[in-house]
Amino acid sequence: MTLDMFGIPNCDTVKKARKWLDAQGLEYTFHDYKKEGADAAKLEAWAAKAGWEKVLNRAGTTFRKLPDEDKADLDAAKAVKMMAANPSCIKRPVVEHPGGLLVGFKEAEWEAALS
């Protein structure tokens, strides 16, 4: 099984997810947003598959610090542009796997999808 994980290495949720994957013996490729940036085309695909509302991390500090006019009237196109410019606004981690896409880390959801 080929897994691609996207996130920020020092994020606590990403650390938990990586530890879980390691404990399951699942190999994955890690893509660091801080070093590699976020690909707008990939973000568009994720938004189409999971919904931009799920992919956008509105709870994070980066999003909350954005100007109100940037956060107003959000739609898929505006959210993708925001996430591409501010990768910390992407919910973490995101995992692409042969059966689909996982956004965020919920152990039961990951177990069902990856076992």
PDB file of N, CA and C in Angstrom:
ATOM      1  N   MET A   1       0.854  -1.175   0.000  1.00  0.00           N
ATOM      2  CA  MET A   1       0.000   0.000   0.000  1.00  0.00           C
ATOM      3  C   MET A   1       0.903   1.243   0.000  1.00  0.00           C
ATOM      4  N   THR A   2       0.600   2.155  -0.886  1.00  0.00           N
ATOM      5  CA  THR A   2       1.364   3.392  -0.971  1.00  0.00           C
ATOM      6  C   THR A   2       0.618   4.496  -0.242  1.00  0.00           C
ATOM      7  N   LEU A   3       1.288   5.114   0.726  1.00  0.00           N
ATOM      8  CA  LEU A   3       0.695   6.208   1.486  1.00  0.00           C
ATOM      9  C   LEU A   3       1.552   7.453   1.321  1.00  0.00           C
ATOM     10  N   ASP A   4       0.891   8.575   1.108  1.00  0.00           N
ATOM     11  CA  ASP A   4       1.566   9.872   1.080  1.00  0.00           C
ATOM     12  C   ASP A   4       0.946  10.723   2.168  1.00  0.00           C
ATOM     13  N   MET A   5       1.774  11.143   3.125  1.00  0.00           N
ATOM     14  CA  MET A   5       1.298  11.982   4.220  1.00  0.00           C
ATOM     15  C   MET A   5       1.813  13.397   4.012  1.00  0.00           C
ATOM     16  N   PHE A   6       0.922  14.350   4.224  1.00  0.00           N
ATOM     17  CA  PHE A   6       1.243  15.762   4.082  1.00  0.00           C
ATOM     18  C   PHE A   6       1.008  16.443   5.412  1.00  0.00           C
ATOM     19  N   GLY A   7       1.977  17.270   5.832  1.00  0.00           N
ATOM     20  CA  GLY A   7       1.816  17.969   7.094  1.00  0.00           C
ATOM     21  C   GLY A   7       3.039  18.770   7.467  1.00  0.00           C
ATOM     22  N   ILE A   8       3.123  19.075   8.737  1.00  0.00           N
ATOM     23  CA  ILE A   8       4.229  19.838   9.312  1.00  0.00           C
ATOM     24  C   ILE A   8       4.817  18.957  10.411  1.00  0.00           C
ATOM     25  N   PRO A   9       6.124  18.685  10.349  1.00  0.00           N
ATOM     26  CA  PRO A   9       6.701  17.694  11.265  1.00  0.00           C
ATOM     27  C   PRO A   9       6.541  17.993  12.753  1.00  0.00           C
ATOM     28  N   ASN A  10       6.531  19.256  13.144  1.00  0.00           N
ATOM     29  CA  ASN A  10       6.444  19.551  14.580  1.00  0.00           C
ATOM     30  C   ASN A  10       5.011  19.656  15.090  1.00  0.00           C
ATOM     31  N   CYS A  11       4.025  19.424  14.241  1.00  0.00           N
ATOM     32  CA  CYS A  11       2.609  19.433  14.644  1.00  0.00           C
ATOM     33  C   CYS A  11       2.333  18.192  15.505  1.00  0.00           C
ATOM     34  N   ASP A  12       1.721  18.390  16.671  1.00  0.00           N
ATOM     35  CA  ASP A  12       1.445  17.273  17.580  1.00  0.00           C
ATOM     36  C   ASP A  12       0.561  16.205  16.940  1.00  0.00           C
ATOM     37  N   THR A  13      -0.434  16.618  16.164  1.00  0.00           N
ATOM     38  CA  THR A  13      -1.326  15.654  15.518  1.00  0.00           C
ATOM     39  C   THR A  13      -0.575  14.850  14.470  1.00  0.00           C
ATOM     40  N   VAL A  14       0.303  15.501  13.736  1.00  0.00           N
ATOM     41  CA  VAL A  14       1.121  14.796  12.747  1.00  0.00           C
ATOM     42  C   VAL A  14       2.042  13.798  13.456  1.00  0.00           C
ATOM     43  N   LYS A  15       2.611  14.198  14.574  1.00  0.00           N
ATOM     44  CA  LYS A  15       3.477  13.290  15.337  1.00  0.00           C
ATOM     45  C   LYS A  15       2.701  12.046  15.772  1.00  0.00           C
ATOM     46  N   LYS A  16       1.470  12.236  16.274  1.00  0.00           N
ATOM     47  CA  LYS A  16       0.635  11.102  16.697  1.00  0.00           C
ATOM     48  C   LYS A  16       0.328  10.190  15.509  1.00  0.00           C
ATOM     49  N   ALA A  17      -0.005  10.804  14.377  1.00  0.00           N
ATOM     50  CA  ALA A  17      -0.346  10.028  13.187  1.00  0.00           C
ATOM     51  C   ALA A  17       0.856   9.234  12.682  1.00  0.00           C
ATOM     52  N   ARG A  18       2.029   9.852  12.679  1.00  0.00           N
ATOM     53  CA  ARG A  18       3.239   9.160  12.227  1.00  0.00           C
ATOM     54  C   ARG A  18       3.574   8.001  13.165  1.00  0.00           C
ATOM     55  N   LYS A  19       3.417   8.226  14.457  1.00  0.00           N
ATOM     56  CA  LYS A  19       3.670   7.174  15.446  1.00  0.00           C
ATOM     57  C   LYS A  19       2.700   6.011  15.219  1.00  0.00           C
ATOM     58  N   TRP A  20       1.431   6.336  14.939  1.00  0.00           N
ATOM     59  CA  TRP A  20       0.427   5.305  14.690  1.00  0.00           C
ATOM     60  C   TRP A  20       0.790   4.504  13.442  1.00  0.00           C
ATOM     61  N   LEU A  21       1.143   5.196  12.352  1.00  0.00           N
ATOM     62  CA  LEU A  21       1.521   4.505  11.114  1.00  0.00           C
ATOM     63  C   LEU A  21       2.720   3.593  11.347  1.00  0.00           C
ATOM     64  N   ASP A  22       3.712   4.092  12.087  1.00  0.00           N
ATOM     65  CA  ASP A  22       4.903   3.290  12.387  1.00  0.00           C
ATOM     66  C   ASP A  22       4.529   2.041  13.195  1.00  0.00           C
ATOM     67  N   ALA A  23       3.643   2.209  14.170  1.00  0.00           N
ATOM     68  CA  ALA A  23       3.213   1.083  15.007  1.00  0.00           C
ATOM     69  C   ALA A  23       2.458   0.028  14.188  1.00  0.00           C
ATOM     70  N   GLN A  24       1.782   0.467  13.126  1.00  0.00           N
ATOM     71  CA  GLN A  24       1.050  -0.463  12.256  1.00  0.00           C
ATOM     72  C   GLN A  24       1.973  -1.093  11.216  1.00  0.00           C
ATOM     73  N   GLY A  25       3.213  -0.616  11.135  1.00  0.00           N
ATOM     74  CA  GLY A  25       4.152  -1.123  10.137  1.00  0.00           C
ATOM     75  C   GLY A  25       3.846  -0.619   8.735  1.00  0.00           C
ATOM     76  N   LEU A  26       3.148   0.505   8.636  1.00  0.00           N
ATOM     77  CA  LEU A  26       2.792   1.054   7.332  1.00  0.00           C
ATOM     78  C   LEU A  26       3.832   2.073   6.881  1.00  0.00           C
ATOM     79  N   GLU A  27       4.345   1.868   5.678  1.00  0.00           N
ATOM     80  CA  GLU A  27       5.327   2.794   5.136  1.00  0.00           C
ATOM     81  C   GLU A  27       4.610   3.952   4.452  1.00  0.00           C
ATOM     82  N   TYR A  28       5.235   5.112   4.504  1.00  0.00           N
ATOM     83  CA  TYR A  28       4.634   6.293   3.898  1.00  0.00           C
ATOM     84  C   TYR A  28       5.728   7.264   3.497  1.00  0.00           C
ATOM     85  N   THR A  29       5.371   8.122   2.572  1.00  0.00           N
ATOM     86  CA  THR A  29       6.245   9.220   2.176  1.00  0.00           C
ATOM     87  C   THR A  29       5.696  10.469   2.852  1.00  0.00           C
ATOM     88  N   PHE A  30       6.574  11.226   3.492  1.00  0.00           N
ATOM     89  CA  PHE A  30       6.134  12.431   4.193  1.00  0.00           C
ATOM     90  C   PHE A  30       6.493  13.666   3.382  1.00  0.00           C
ATOM     91  N   HIS A  31       5.496  14.523   3.182  1.00  0.00           N
ATOM     92  CA  HIS A  31       5.674  15.782   2.465  1.00  0.00           C
ATOM     93  C   HIS A  31       5.514  16.923   3.468  1.00  0.00           C
ATOM     94  N   ASP A  32       6.582  17.655   3.664  1.00  0.00           N
ATOM     95  CA  ASP A  32       6.618  18.745   4.642  1.00  0.00           C
ATOM     96  C   ASP A  32       6.186  20.055   3.979  1.00  0.00           C
ATOM     97  N   TYR A  33       5.034  20.579   4.398  1.00  0.00           N
ATOM     98  CA  TYR A  33       4.535  21.841   3.833  1.00  0.00           C
ATOM     99  C   TYR A  33       5.526  22.986   4.016  1.00  0.00           C
ATOM    100  N   LYS A  34       6.224  22.991   5.138  1.00  0.00           N
ATOM    101  CA  LYS A  34       7.138  24.101   5.427  1.00  0.00           C
ATOM    102  C   LYS A  34       8.311  24.127   4.451  1.00  0.00           C
ATOM    103  N   LYS A  35       8.772  22.950   4.044  1.00  0.00           N
ATOM    104  CA  LYS A  35       9.908  22.869   3.128  1.00  0.00           C
ATOM    105  C   LYS A  35       9.480  22.799   1.666  1.00  0.00           C
ATOM    106  N   GLU A  36       8.378  22.093   1.403  1.00  0.00           N
ATOM    107  CA  GLU A  36       7.974  21.825   0.024  1.00  0.00           C
ATOM    108  C   GLU A  36       6.811  22.694  -0.451  1.00  0.00           C
ATOM    109  N   GLY A  37       6.173  23.403   0.470  1.00  0.00           N
ATOM    110  CA  GLY A  37       5.006  24.192   0.093  1.00  0.00           C
ATOM    111  C   GLY A  37       3.798  23.302  -0.145  1.00  0.00           C
ATOM    112  N   ALA A  38       2.718  23.928  -0.553  1.00  0.00           N
ATOM    113  CA  ALA A  38       1.476  23.207  -0.813  1.00  0.00           C
ATOM    114  C   ALA A  38       1.079  23.435  -2.271  1.00  0.00           C
ATOM    115  N   ASP A  39       0.789  22.362  -2.961  1.00  0.00           N
ATOM    116  CA  ASP A  39       0.439  22.404  -4.373  1.00  0.00           C
ATOM    117  C   ASP A  39      -1.041  22.728  -4.545  1.00  0.00           C
ATOM    118  N   ALA A  40      -1.333  23.821  -5.261  1.00  0.00           N
ATOM    119  CA  ALA A  40      -2.720  24.270  -5.433  1.00  0.00           C
ATOM    120  C   ALA A  40      -3.570  23.211  -6.138  1.00  0.00           C
ATOM    121  N   ALA A  41      -3.016  22.525  -7.124  1.00  0.00           N
ATOM    122  CA  ALA A  41      -3.785  21.495  -7.837  1.00  0.00           C
ATOM    123  C   ALA A  41      -4.160  20.351  -6.899  1.00  0.00           C
ATOM    124  N   LYS A  42      -3.231  19.976  -6.026  1.00  0.00           N
ATOM    125  CA  LYS A  42      -3.509  18.916  -5.048  1.00  0.00           C
ATOM    126  C   LYS A  42      -4.574  19.387  -4.053  1.00  0.00           C
ATOM    127  N   LEU A  43      -4.460  20.632  -3.619  1.00  0.00           N
ATOM    128  CA  LEU A  43      -5.462  21.189  -2.703  1.00  0.00           C
ATOM    129  C   LEU A  43      -6.845  21.206  -3.344  1.00  0.00           C
ATOM    130  N   GLU A  44      -6.915  21.551  -4.617  1.00  0.00           N
ATOM    131  CA  GLU A  44      -8.199  21.527  -5.335  1.00  0.00           C
ATOM    132  C   GLU A  44      -8.775  20.121  -5.373  1.00  0.00           C
ATOM    133  N   ALA A  45      -7.917  19.134  -5.618  1.00  0.00           N
ATOM    134  CA  ALA A  45      -8.372  17.737  -5.653  1.00  0.00           C
ATOM    135  C   ALA A  45      -8.880  17.297  -4.283  1.00  0.00           C
ATOM    136  N   TRP A  46      -8.146  17.671  -3.225  1.00  0.00           N
ATOM    137  CA  TRP A  46      -8.590  17.319  -1.877  1.00  0.00           C
ATOM    138  C   TRP A  46      -9.916  17.983  -1.551  1.00  0.00           C
ATOM    139  N   ALA A  47     -10.048  19.249  -1.915  1.00  0.00           N
ATOM    140  CA  ALA A  47     -11.290  19.984  -1.650  1.00  0.00           C
ATOM    141  C   ALA A  47     -12.461  19.344  -2.386  1.00  0.00           C
ATOM    142  N   ALA A  48     -12.213  18.886  -3.610  1.00  0.00           N
ATOM    143  CA  ALA A  48     -13.271  18.229  -4.385  1.00  0.00           C
ATOM    144  C   ALA A  48     -13.644  16.883  -3.760  1.00  0.00           C
ATOM    145  N   LYS A  49     -12.658  16.176  -3.236  1.00  0.00           N
ATOM    146  CA  LYS A  49     -12.900  14.837  -2.682  1.00  0.00           C
ATOM    147  C   LYS A  49     -13.490  14.891  -1.272  1.00  0.00           C
ATOM    148  N   ALA A  50     -12.913  15.710  -0.399  1.00  0.00           N
ATOM    149  CA  ALA A  50     -13.317  15.721   1.012  1.00  0.00           C
ATOM    150  C   ALA A  50     -14.167  16.929   1.384  1.00  0.00           C
ATOM    151  N   GLY A  51     -14.182  17.945   0.523  1.00  0.00           N
ATOM    152  CA  GLY A  51     -14.864  19.199   0.854  1.00  0.00           C
ATOM    153  C   GLY A  51     -13.862  20.200   1.403  1.00  0.00           C
ATOM    154  N   TRP A  52     -13.853  21.397   0.855  1.00  0.00           N
ATOM    155  CA  TRP A  52     -12.871  22.395   1.302  1.00  0.00           C
ATOM    156  C   TRP A  52     -13.051  22.739   2.770  1.00  0.00           C
ATOM    157  N   GLU A  53     -14.288  22.614   3.262  1.00  0.00           N
ATOM    158  CA  GLU A  53     -14.555  22.919   4.663  1.00  0.00           C
ATOM    159  C   GLU A  53     -13.805  21.979   5.603  1.00  0.00           C
ATOM    160  N   LYS A  54     -13.605  20.734   5.162  1.00  0.00           N
ATOM    161  CA  LYS A  54     -12.889  19.754   5.981  1.00  0.00           C
ATOM    162  C   LYS A  54     -11.376  19.953   5.876  1.00  0.00           C
ATOM    163  N   VAL A  55     -10.904  20.349   4.705  1.00  0.00           N
ATOM    164  CA  VAL A  55      -9.469  20.498   4.473  1.00  0.00           C
ATOM    165  C   VAL A  55      -8.920  21.782   5.110  1.00  0.00           C
ATOM    166  N   LEU A  56      -9.737  22.810   5.162  1.00  0.00           N
ATOM    167  CA  LEU A  56      -9.312  24.088   5.741  1.00  0.00           C
ATOM    168  C   LEU A  56      -9.340  24.017   7.264  1.00  0.00           C
ATOM    169  N   ASN A  57      -8.221  24.358   7.883  1.00  0.00           N
ATOM    170  CA  ASN A  57      -8.102  24.349   9.342  1.00  0.00           C
ATOM    171  C   ASN A  57      -8.465  25.736   9.883  1.00  0.00           C
ATOM    172  N   ARG A  58      -9.725  25.905  10.229  1.00  0.00           N
ATOM    173  CA  ARG A  58     -10.186  27.198  10.758  1.00  0.00           C
ATOM    174  C   ARG A  58      -9.835  27.384  12.230  1.00  0.00           C
ATOM    175  N   ALA A  59      -9.460  26.308  12.916  1.00  0.00           N
ATOM    176  CA  ALA A  59      -9.177  26.392  14.351  1.00  0.00           C
ATOM    177  C   ALA A  59      -7.751  26.850  14.648  1.00  0.00           C
ATOM    178  N   GLY A  60      -6.899  26.802  13.657  1.00  0.00           N
ATOM    179  CA  GLY A  60      -5.491  27.116  13.878  1.00  0.00           C
ATOM    180  C   GLY A  60      -5.205  28.603  14.023  1.00  0.00           C
ATOM    181  N   THR A  61      -4.080  28.875  14.636  1.00  0.00           N
ATOM    182  CA  THR A  61      -3.639  30.255  14.864  1.00  0.00           C
ATOM    183  C   THR A  61      -3.457  31.014  13.563  1.00  0.00           C
ATOM    184  N   THR A  62      -2.884  30.368  12.561  1.00  0.00           N
ATOM    185  CA  THR A  62      -2.625  31.041  11.283  1.00  0.00           C
ATOM    186  C   THR A  62      -3.922  31.566  10.684  1.00  0.00           C
ATOM    187  N   PHE A  63      -4.952  30.722  10.644  1.00  0.00           N
ATOM    188  CA  PHE A  63      -6.238  31.150  10.083  1.00  0.00           C
ATOM    189  C   PHE A  63      -6.832  32.288  10.905  1.00  0.00           C
ATOM    190  N   ARG A  64      -6.807  32.136  12.218  1.00  0.00           N
ATOM    191  CA  ARG A  64      -7.428  33.152  13.078  1.00  0.00           C
ATOM    192  C   ARG A  64      -6.736  34.507  12.955  1.00  0.00           C
ATOM    193  N   LYS A  65      -5.435  34.507  12.637  1.00  0.00           N
ATOM    194  CA  LYS A  65      -4.697  35.762  12.517  1.00  0.00           C
ATOM    195  C   LYS A  65      -4.865  36.442  11.159  1.00  0.00           C
ATOM    196  N   LEU A  66      -5.473  35.754  10.205  1.00  0.00           N
ATOM    197  CA  LEU A  66      -5.676  36.360   8.891  1.00  0.00           C
ATOM    198  C   LEU A  66      -6.675  37.510   8.994  1.00  0.00           C
ATOM    199  N   PRO A  67      -6.541  38.506   8.120  1.00  0.00           N
ATOM    200  CA  PRO A  67      -7.508  39.617   8.136  1.00  0.00           C
ATOM    201  C   PRO A  67      -8.929  39.112   7.896  1.00  0.00           C
ATOM    202  N   ASP A  68      -9.899  39.769   8.524  1.00  0.00           N
ATOM    203  CA  ASP A  68     -11.297  39.359   8.392  1.00  0.00           C
ATOM    204  C   ASP A  68     -11.754  39.316   6.945  1.00  0.00           C
ATOM    205  N   GLU A  69     -11.253  40.246   6.118  1.00  0.00           N
ATOM    206  CA  GLU A  69     -11.684  40.253   4.712  1.00  0.00           C
ATOM    207  C   GLU A  69     -11.190  39.000   3.973  1.00  0.00           C
ATOM    208  N   ASP A  70     -10.069  38.423   4.404  1.00  0.00           N
ATOM    209  CA  ASP A  70      -9.591  37.177   3.794  1.00  0.00           C
ATOM    210  C   ASP A  70     -10.481  36.002   4.190  1.00  0.00           C
ATOM    211  N   LYS A  71     -11.059  36.060   5.376  1.00  0.00           N
ATOM    212  CA  LYS A  71     -11.880  34.957   5.883  1.00  0.00           C
ATOM    213  C   LYS A  71     -13.356  35.095   5.485  1.00  0.00           C
ATOM    214  N   ALA A  72     -13.729  36.265   4.983  1.00  0.00           N
ATOM    215  CA  ALA A  72     -15.127  36.511   4.614  1.00  0.00           C
ATOM    216  C   ALA A  72     -15.454  35.868   3.267  1.00  0.00           C
ATOM    217  N   ASP A  73     -16.687  35.449   3.123  1.00  0.00           N
ATOM    218  CA  ASP A  73     -17.196  34.908   1.848  1.00  0.00           C
ATOM    219  C   ASP A  73     -16.333  33.782   1.293  1.00  0.00           C
ATOM    220  N   LEU A  74     -15.935  32.866   2.155  1.00  0.00           N
ATOM    221  CA  LEU A  74     -15.105  31.754   1.701  1.00  0.00           C
ATOM    222  C   LEU A  74     -15.890  30.813   0.801  1.00  0.00           C
ATOM    223  N   ASP A  75     -15.233  30.386  -0.243  1.00  0.00           N
ATOM    224  CA  ASP A  75     -15.744  29.333  -1.104  1.00  0.00           C
ATOM    225  C   ASP A  75     -14.555  28.440  -1.442  1.00  0.00           C
ATOM    226  N   ALA A  76     -14.760  27.422  -2.251  1.00  0.00           N
ATOM    227  CA  ALA A  76     -13.683  26.472  -2.539  1.00  0.00           C
ATOM    228  C   ALA A  76     -12.475  27.159  -3.162  1.00  0.00           C
ATOM    229  N   ALA A  77     -12.687  28.009  -4.146  1.00  0.00           N
ATOM    230  CA  ALA A  77     -11.569  28.661  -4.837  1.00  0.00           C
ATOM    231  C   ALA A  77     -10.774  29.554  -3.885  1.00  0.00           C
ATOM    232  N   LYS A  78     -11.478  30.328  -3.076  1.00  0.00           N
ATOM    233  CA  LYS A  78     -10.802  31.233  -2.136  1.00  0.00           C
ATOM    234  C   LYS A  78     -10.070  30.433  -1.052  1.00  0.00           C
ATOM    235  N   ALA A  79     -10.677  29.343  -0.589  1.00  0.00           N
ATOM    236  CA  ALA A  79     -10.050  28.508   0.439  1.00  0.00           C
ATOM    237  C   ALA A  79      -8.783  27.849  -0.099  1.00  0.00           C
ATOM    238  N   VAL A  80      -8.832  27.347  -1.331  1.00  0.00           N
ATOM    239  CA  VAL A  80      -7.650  26.716  -1.931  1.00  0.00           C
ATOM    240  C   VAL A  80      -6.524  27.734  -2.068  1.00  0.00           C
ATOM    241  N   LYS A  81      -6.857  28.922  -2.525  1.00  0.00           N
ATOM    242  CA  LYS A  81      -5.851  29.984  -2.671  1.00  0.00           C
ATOM    243  C   LYS A  81      -5.239  30.320  -1.305  1.00  0.00           C
ATOM    244  N   MET A  82      -6.079  30.413  -0.280  1.00  0.00           N
ATOM    245  CA  MET A  82      -5.618  30.712   1.076  1.00  0.00           C
ATOM    246  C   MET A  82      -4.687  29.618   1.587  1.00  0.00           C
ATOM    247  N   MET A  83      -5.064  28.346   1.388  1.00  0.00           N
ATOM    248  CA  MET A  83      -4.253  27.236   1.875  1.00  0.00           C
ATOM    249  C   MET A  83      -2.921  27.137   1.125  1.00  0.00           C
ATOM    250  N   ALA A  84      -2.934  27.434  -0.165  1.00  0.00           N
ATOM    251  CA  ALA A  84      -1.692  27.396  -0.947  1.00  0.00           C
ATOM    252  C   ALA A  84      -0.727  28.477  -0.457  1.00  0.00           C
ATOM    253  N   ALA A  85      -1.267  29.640  -0.125  1.00  0.00           N
ATOM    254  CA  ALA A  85      -0.434  30.751   0.351  1.00  0.00           C
ATOM    255  C   ALA A  85      -0.019  30.566   1.816  1.00  0.00           C
ATOM    256  N   ASN A  86      -0.852  29.874   2.586  1.00  0.00           N
ATOM    257  CA  ASN A  86      -0.613  29.669   4.024  1.00  0.00           C
ATOM    258  C   ASN A  86      -0.797  28.192   4.354  1.00  0.00           C
ATOM    259  N   PRO A  87       0.206  27.340   4.083  1.00  0.00           N
ATOM    260  CA  PRO A  87       0.033  25.895   4.306  1.00  0.00           C
ATOM    261  C   PRO A  87      -0.362  25.520   5.733  1.00  0.00           C
ATOM    262  N   SER A  88      -0.096  26.387   6.700  1.00  0.00           N
ATOM    263  CA  SER A  88      -0.521  26.091   8.069  1.00  0.00           C
ATOM    264  C   SER A  88      -2.040  26.131   8.207  1.00  0.00           C
ATOM    265  N   CYS A  89      -2.732  26.628   7.185  1.00  0.00           N
ATOM    266  CA  CYS A  89      -4.198  26.648   7.201  1.00  0.00           C
ATOM    267  C   CYS A  89      -4.801  25.331   6.696  1.00  0.00           C
ATOM    268  N   ILE A  90      -3.955  24.373   6.363  1.00  0.00           N
ATOM    269  CA  ILE A  90      -4.442  23.065   5.921  1.00  0.00           C
ATOM    270  C   ILE A  90      -4.541  22.164   7.143  1.00  0.00           C
ATOM    271  N   LYS A  91      -5.686  21.513   7.294  1.00  0.00           N
ATOM    272  CA  LYS A  91      -5.845  20.573   8.410  1.00  0.00           C
ATOM    273  C   LYS A  91      -4.783  19.486   8.268  1.00  0.00           C
ATOM    274  N   ARG A  92      -4.245  19.073   9.393  1.00  0.00           N
ATOM    275  CA  ARG A  92      -3.142  18.113   9.363  1.00  0.00           C
ATOM    276  C   ARG A  92      -3.461  16.883  10.200  1.00  0.00           C
ATOM    277  N   PRO A  93      -2.885  15.771   9.757  1.00  0.00           N
ATOM    278  CA  PRO A  93      -2.259  15.527   8.467  1.00  0.00           C
ATOM    279  C   PRO A  93      -3.296  15.198   7.407  1.00  0.00           C
ATOM    280  N   VAL A  94      -2.844  15.182   6.169  1.00  0.00           N
ATOM    281  CA  VAL A  94      -3.650  14.671   5.059  1.00  0.00           C
ATOM    282  C   VAL A  94      -2.904  13.459   4.533  1.00  0.00           C
ATOM    283  N   VAL A  95      -3.624  12.359   4.349  1.00  0.00           N
ATOM    284  CA  VAL A  95      -3.004  11.141   3.830  1.00  0.00           C
ATOM    285  C   VAL A  95      -3.761  10.691   2.587  1.00  0.00           C
ATOM    286  N   GLU A  96      -3.008  10.566   1.501  1.00  0.00           N
ATOM    287  CA  GLU A  96      -3.547   9.962   0.279  1.00  0.00           C
ATOM    288  C   GLU A  96      -3.208   8.480   0.341  1.00  0.00           C
ATOM    289  N   HIS A  97      -4.230   7.648   0.131  1.00  0.00           N
ATOM    290  CA  HIS A  97      -4.023   6.197   0.134  1.00  0.00           C
ATOM    291  C   HIS A  97      -4.833   5.604  -1.004  1.00  0.00           C
ATOM    292  N   PRO A  98      -4.555   4.357  -1.375  1.00  0.00           N
ATOM    293  CA  PRO A  98      -5.240   3.782  -2.538  1.00  0.00           C
ATOM    294  C   PRO A  98      -6.764   3.828  -2.459  1.00  0.00           C
ATOM    295  N   GLY A  99      -7.321   3.820  -1.261  1.00  0.00           N
ATOM    296  CA  GLY A  99      -8.775   3.837  -1.124  1.00  0.00           C
ATOM    297  C   GLY A  99      -9.377   5.222  -0.983  1.00  0.00           C
ATOM    298  N   GLY A 100      -8.548   6.257  -0.939  1.00  0.00           N
ATOM    299  CA  GLY A 100      -9.108   7.592  -0.792  1.00  0.00           C
ATOM    300  C   GLY A 100      -8.204   8.570  -0.075  1.00  0.00           C
ATOM    301  N   LEU A 101      -8.823   9.346   0.808  1.00  0.00           N
ATOM    302  CA  LEU A 101      -8.149  10.465   1.444  1.00  0.00           C
ATOM    303  C   LEU A 101      -8.555  10.537   2.909  1.00  0.00           C
ATOM    304  N   LEU A 102      -7.572  10.735   3.788  1.00  0.00           N
ATOM    305  CA  LEU A 102      -7.844  10.950   5.202  1.00  0.00           C
ATOM    306  C   LEU A 102      -7.406  12.369   5.545  1.00  0.00           C
ATOM    307  N   VAL A 103      -8.266  13.112   6.234  1.00  0.00           N
ATOM    308  CA  VAL A 103      -7.952  14.489   6.631  1.00  0.00           C
ATOM    309  C   VAL A 103      -8.073  14.572   8.140  1.00  0.00           C
ATOM    310  N   GLY A 104      -6.975  14.952   8.790  1.00  0.00           N
ATOM    311  CA  GLY A 104      -6.939  14.948  10.244  1.00  0.00           C
ATOM    312  C   GLY A 104      -6.655  13.537  10.735  1.00  0.00           C
ATOM    313  N   PHE A 105      -6.414  13.391  12.034  1.00  0.00           N
ATOM    314  CA  PHE A 105      -6.107  12.071  12.580  1.00  0.00           C
ATOM    315  C   PHE A 105      -7.164  11.651  13.575  1.00  0.00           C
ATOM    316  N   LYS A 106      -7.932  10.640  13.171  1.00  0.00           N
ATOM    317  CA  LYS A 106      -8.877   9.971  14.059  1.00  0.00           C
ATOM    318  C   LYS A 106      -8.544   8.492  13.951  1.00  0.00           C
ATOM    319  N   GLU A 107      -8.027   7.947  15.033  1.00  0.00           N
ATOM    320  CA  GLU A 107      -7.491   6.582  14.993  1.00  0.00           C
ATOM    321  C   GLU A 107      -8.482   5.562  14.431  1.00  0.00           C
ATOM    322  N   ALA A 108      -9.725   5.602  14.858  1.00  0.00           N
ATOM    323  CA  ALA A 108     -10.709   4.622  14.385  1.00  0.00           C
ATOM    324  C   ALA A 108     -10.928   4.749  12.869  1.00  0.00           C
ATOM    325  N   GLU A 109     -10.977   5.971  12.400  1.00  0.00           N
ATOM    326  CA  GLU A 109     -11.162   6.218  10.967  1.00  0.00           C
ATOM    327  C   GLU A 109      -9.949   5.693  10.174  1.00  0.00           C
ATOM    328  N   TRP A 110      -8.762   5.947  10.697  1.00  0.00           N
ATOM    329  CA  TRP A 110      -7.551   5.483  10.024  1.00  0.00           C
ATOM    330  C   TRP A 110      -7.479   3.958  10.026  1.00  0.00           C
ATOM    331  N   GLU A 111      -7.832   3.360  11.160  1.00  0.00           N
ATOM    332  CA  GLU A 111      -7.801   1.897  11.251  1.00  0.00           C
ATOM    333  C   GLU A 111      -8.748   1.280  10.222  1.00  0.00           C
ATOM    334  N   ALA A 112      -9.951   1.818  10.102  1.00  0.00           N
ATOM    335  CA  ALA A 112     -10.919   1.308   9.148  1.00  0.00           C
ATOM    336  C   ALA A 112     -10.425   1.468   7.702  1.00  0.00           C
ATOM    337  N   ALA A 113      -9.794   2.590   7.419  1.00  0.00           N
ATOM    338  CA  ALA A 113      -9.357   2.877   6.048  1.00  0.00           C
ATOM    339  C   ALA A 113      -8.072   2.150   5.657  1.00  0.00           C
ATOM    340  N   LEU A 114      -7.177   1.924   6.613  1.00  0.00           N
ATOM    341  CA  LEU A 114      -5.840   1.443   6.289  1.00  0.00           C
ATOM    342  C   LEU A 114      -5.534   0.018   6.712  1.00  0.00           C
ATOM    343  N   SER A 115      -6.484  -0.630   7.385  1.00  0.00           N
ATOM    344  CA  SER A 115      -6.233  -2.010   7.841  1.00  0.00           C
ATOM    345  C   SER A 115      -6.691  -3.024   6.808  1.00  0.00           C
TER     346      SER A 115
END
